[in-house]
C-alpha atoms as a PDB file:
ATOM      1  CA  MET A   1      79.584  96.711  99.867  1.00  0.00           C
ATOM      2  CA  ARG A   2      81.300  95.755 103.120  1.00  0.00           C
ATOM      3  CA  VAL A   3      79.086  92.677 103.407  1.00  0.00           C
ATOM      4  CA  LEU A   4      80.102  91.521  99.924  1.00  0.00           C
ATOM      5  CA  PHE A   5      83.757  92.090 100.767  1.00  0.00           C
ATOM      6  CA  LEU A   6      83.329  90.141 103.995  1.00  0.00           C
ATOM      7  CA  ILE A   7      81.646  87.218 102.216  1.00  0.00           C
ATOM      8  CA  ALA A   8      84.397  87.153  99.590  1.00  0.00           C
ATOM      9  CA  PHE A   9      87.044  87.379 102.326  1.00  0.00           C
ATOM     10  CA  ILE A  10      85.566  84.448 104.258  1.00  0.00           C
ATOM     11  CA  SER A  11      85.127  82.406 101.052  1.00  0.00           C
ATOM     12  CA  ILE A  12      88.757  82.908 100.067  1.00  0.00           C
ATOM     13  CA  LEU A  13      89.929  81.951 103.539  1.00  0.00           C
ATOM     14  CA  SER A  14      87.736  78.826 103.571  1.00  0.00           C
ATOM     15  CA  ALA A  15      89.035  77.756 100.165  1.00  0.00           C
ATOM     16  CA  THR A  16      92.604  77.829 101.398  1.00  0.00           C
ATOM     17  CA  SER A  17      94.142  75.614 104.022  1.00  0.00           C
ATOM     18  CA  VAL A  18      94.294  78.386 106.627  1.00  0.00           C
ATOM     19  CA  ASN A  19      93.453  77.062 110.068  1.00  0.00           C
ATOM     20  CA  ALA A  20      90.750  78.652 112.224  1.00  0.00           C
ATOM     21  CA  GLY A  21      93.203  80.517 114.461  1.00  0.00           C
ATOM     22  CA  GLN A  22      94.773  82.222 111.467  1.00  0.00           C
ATOM     23  CA  THR A  23      91.336  83.037 110.031  1.00  0.00           C
ATOM     24  CA  PHE A  24      90.270  84.739 113.268  1.00  0.00           C
ATOM     25  CA  GLY A  25      93.593  86.555 113.334  1.00  0.00           C
ATOM     26  CA  LEU A  26      93.203  87.850 109.781  1.00  0.00           C
ATOM     27  CA  LEU A  27      89.641  88.972 110.389  1.00  0.00           C
ATOM     28  CA  ALA A  28      90.636  90.606 113.689  1.00  0.00           C
ATOM     29  CA  ASP A  29      93.505  92.398 111.906  1.00  0.00           C
ATOM     30  CA  ASP A  30      91.096  93.656 109.250  1.00  0.00           C
ATOM     31  CA  CYS A  31      88.733  94.868 112.000  1.00  0.00           C
ATOM     32  CA  PHE A  32      91.590  96.662 113.769  1.00  0.00           C
ATOM     33  CA  ASN A  33      92.871  98.283 110.576  1.00  0.00           C
ATOM     34  CA  GLU A  34      89.361  99.451 109.660  1.00  0.00           C
ATOM     35  CA  TRP A  35      88.944 100.921 113.150  1.00  0.00           C
ATOM     36  CA  LYS A  36      92.202 102.893 112.815  1.00  0.00           C
ATOM     37  CA  THR A  37      90.719 104.720 109.810  1.00  0.00           C
ATOM     38  CA  ARG A  38      87.890 106.145 111.941  1.00  0.00           C
ATOM     39  CA  GLY A  39      90.064 108.853 113.448  1.00  0.00           C
ATOM     40  CA  TRP A  40      89.075 108.398 117.102  1.00  0.00           C
ATOM     41  CA  VAL A  41      91.004 110.704 119.428  1.00  0.00           C
ATOM     42  CA  ILE A  42      91.590 110.660 123.171  1.00  0.00           C
ATOM     43  CA  GLY A  43      92.272 113.438 125.641  1.00  0.00           C
ATOM     44  CA  GLU A  44      92.419 117.183 125.465  1.00  0.00           C
ATOM     45  CA  ASP A  45      95.356 117.058 123.068  1.00  0.00           C
ATOM     46  CA  ASN A  46      93.337 114.848 120.671  1.00  0.00           C
ATOM     47  CA  THR A  47      95.903 112.063 120.549  1.00  0.00           C
ATOM     48  CA  PRO A  48      94.923 109.497 117.908  1.00  0.00           C
ATOM     49  CA  ALA A  49      93.491 106.541 119.850  1.00  0.00           C
ATOM     50  CA  TYR A  50      95.512 104.013 117.831  1.00  0.00           C
ATOM     51  CA  GLN A  51      98.703 105.649 119.160  1.00  0.00           C
ATOM     52  CA  VAL A  52      97.722 104.953 122.783  1.00  0.00           C
ATOM     53  CA  GLU A  53      99.077 101.435 123.295  1.00  0.00           C
ATOM     54  CA  LYS A  54      96.646 100.302 126.028  1.00  0.00           C
ATOM     55  CA  PHE A  55      93.654 101.607 124.094  1.00  0.00           C
ATOM     56  CA  ALA A  56      94.820 100.045 120.817  1.00  0.00           C
ATOM     57  CA  ASN A  57      95.420  96.700 122.581  1.00  0.00           C
ATOM     58  CA  GLY A  58      91.901  96.856 124.032  1.00  0.00           C
ATOM     59  CA  ILE A  59      90.401  97.509 120.599  1.00  0.00           C
ATOM     60  CA  ARG A  60      92.456  94.624 119.199  1.00  0.00           C
ATOM     61  CA  LYS A  61      90.983  92.344 121.902  1.00  0.00           C
ATOM     62  CA  ILE A  62      87.460  93.499 121.016  1.00  0.00           C
ATOM     63  CA  CYS A  63      88.230  92.755 117.348  1.00  0.00           C
ATOM     64  CA  GLU A  64      89.433  89.249 118.256  1.00  0.00           C
ATOM     65  CA  ILE A  65      86.279  88.564 120.263  1.00  0.00           C
ATOM     66  CA  ARG A  66      84.071  89.969 117.483  1.00  0.00           C
ATOM     67  CA  SER A  67      85.720  87.692 114.895  1.00  0.00           C
ATOM     68  CA  GLN A  68      85.154  84.657 117.126  1.00  0.00           C
ATOM     69  CA  MET A  69      81.512  85.601 117.697  1.00  0.00           C
ATOM     70  CA  PHE A  70      81.025  86.243 113.964  1.00  0.00           C
ATOM     71  CA  ALA A  71      82.148  82.672 113.219  1.00  0.00           C
ATOM     72  CA  VAL A  72      79.284  81.401 115.393  1.00  0.00           C
ATOM     73  CA  ASP A  73      76.698  84.061 114.487  1.00  0.00           C
ATOM     74  CA  PRO A  74      77.073  85.824 111.104  1.00  0.00           C
ATOM     75  CA  GLU A  75      74.523  88.417 112.312  1.00  0.00           C
ATOM     76  CA  ILE A  76      77.331  89.859 114.452  1.00  0.00           C
ATOM     77  CA  SER A  77      79.573  92.173 112.508  1.00  0.00           C
ATOM     78  CA  PRO A  78      83.263  91.345 112.834  1.00  0.00           C
ATOM     79  CA  TYR A  79      83.923  95.106 112.755  1.00  0.00           C
ATOM     80  CA  ILE A  80      83.775  97.571 115.632  1.00  0.00           C
ATOM     81  CA  GLN A  81      80.234  98.743 116.345  1.00  0.00           C
ATOM     82  CA  GLY A  82      79.288 101.471 118.764  1.00  0.00           C
ATOM     83  CA  ARG A  83      80.785 104.789 119.701  1.00  0.00           C
ATOM     84  CA  LEU A  84      83.891 105.684 121.638  1.00  0.00           C
ATOM     85  CA  ALA A  85      81.865 106.566 124.738  1.00  0.00           C
ATOM     86  CA  GLU A  86      80.199 103.135 124.687  1.00  0.00           C
ATOM     87  CA  LEU A  87      83.365 101.126 124.150  1.00  0.00           C
ATOM     88  CA  ALA A  88      85.926 102.955 126.306  1.00  0.00           C
ATOM     89  CA  PRO A  89      85.054 101.229 129.604  1.00  0.00           C
ATOM     90  CA  TYR A  90      85.369  97.808 127.953  1.00  0.00           C
ATOM     91  CA  VAL A  91      88.576  98.673 126.113  1.00  0.00           C
ATOM     92  CA  PHE A  92      90.469  99.139 129.352  1.00  0.00           C
ATOM     93  CA  SER A  93      88.770  96.393 131.381  1.00  0.00           C
ATOM     94  CA  GLY A  94      89.782  93.437 129.214  1.00  0.00           C
ATOM     95  CA  ASP A  95      86.828  91.502 130.679  1.00  0.00           C
ATOM     96  CA  GLU A  96      85.959  89.067 127.874  1.00  0.00           C
ATOM     97  CA  GLN A  97      82.494  88.206 129.210  1.00  0.00           C
ATOM     98  CA  ALA A  98      81.587  91.887 129.560  1.00  0.00           C
ATOM     99  CA  ILE A  99      82.839  92.551 126.021  1.00  0.00           C
ATOM    100  CA  ARG A 100      80.774  89.637 124.698  1.00  0.00           C
ATOM    101  CA  GLY A 101      77.731  91.040 126.502  1.00  0.00           C
ATOM    102  CA  LEU A 102      78.270  94.470 124.970  1.00  0.00           C
ATOM    103  CA  ILE A 103      78.672  92.993 121.489  1.00  0.00           C
ATOM    104  CA  SER A 104      75.393  91.104 121.941  1.00  0.00           C
ATOM    105  CA  LYS A 105      73.637  94.315 123.041  1.00  0.00           C
ATOM    106  CA  LEU A 106      75.016  96.209 120.056  1.00  0.00           C
ATOM    107  CA  LYS A 107      73.794  93.432 117.745  1.00  0.00           C
ATOM    108  CA  GLN A 108      70.251  93.873 119.046  1.00  0.00           C
ATOM    109  CA  ARG A 109      70.261  97.633 118.521  1.00  0.00           C
ATOM    110  CA  ARG A 110      68.574  98.709 115.319  1.00  0.00           C
ATOM    111  CA  PRO A 111      70.141 101.494 113.254  1.00  0.00           C
ATOM    112  CA  GLY A 112      69.256 104.848 114.768  1.00  0.00           C
ATOM    113  CA  ASP A 113      68.310 103.439 118.181  1.00  0.00           C
ATOM    114  CA  GLN A 114      70.075 104.799 121.240  1.00  0.00           C
ATOM    115  CA  PHE A 115      70.574 103.072 124.555  1.00  0.00           C
ATOM    116  CA  SER A 116      69.150 105.028 127.431  1.00  0.00           C
ATOM    117  CA  GLY A 117      70.887 105.632 130.705  1.00  0.00           C
ATOM    118  CA  SER A 118      73.774 103.219 130.638  1.00  0.00           C
ATOM    119  CA  PHE A 119      75.509 104.672 127.575  1.00  0.00           C
ATOM    120  CA  MET A 120      76.619 108.208 126.914  1.00  0.00           C
ATOM    121  CA  ARG A 121      75.704 109.964 123.693  1.00  0.00           C
ATOM    122  CA  ASP A 122      78.459 111.399 121.512  1.00  0.00           C
END
């Protein structure tokens, strides 16, 4: 269902005269808004992650990078993949190359597979 929505979304955007920067921005916004619905929490007081400005800005950056990578490789989902424990170090680093590397690793992971060693399990 999400794939069909994504194809329709991209088709509509291509049919209009929206420039590439706006397209990435719209897709990144959709990614960010979808992520907010996941209910991730941070800290002992279970603060919603989207209410922590630095964390939310880091997720927004990951969404922007994902949308750019999706434009080049449709096999990469423009939506957040991975778990909180996997993404947290990248959210705060802001290192674009490291984020791109993580996204590529997540693309290669088959459903149900777990990384060993370098990633924590939820």
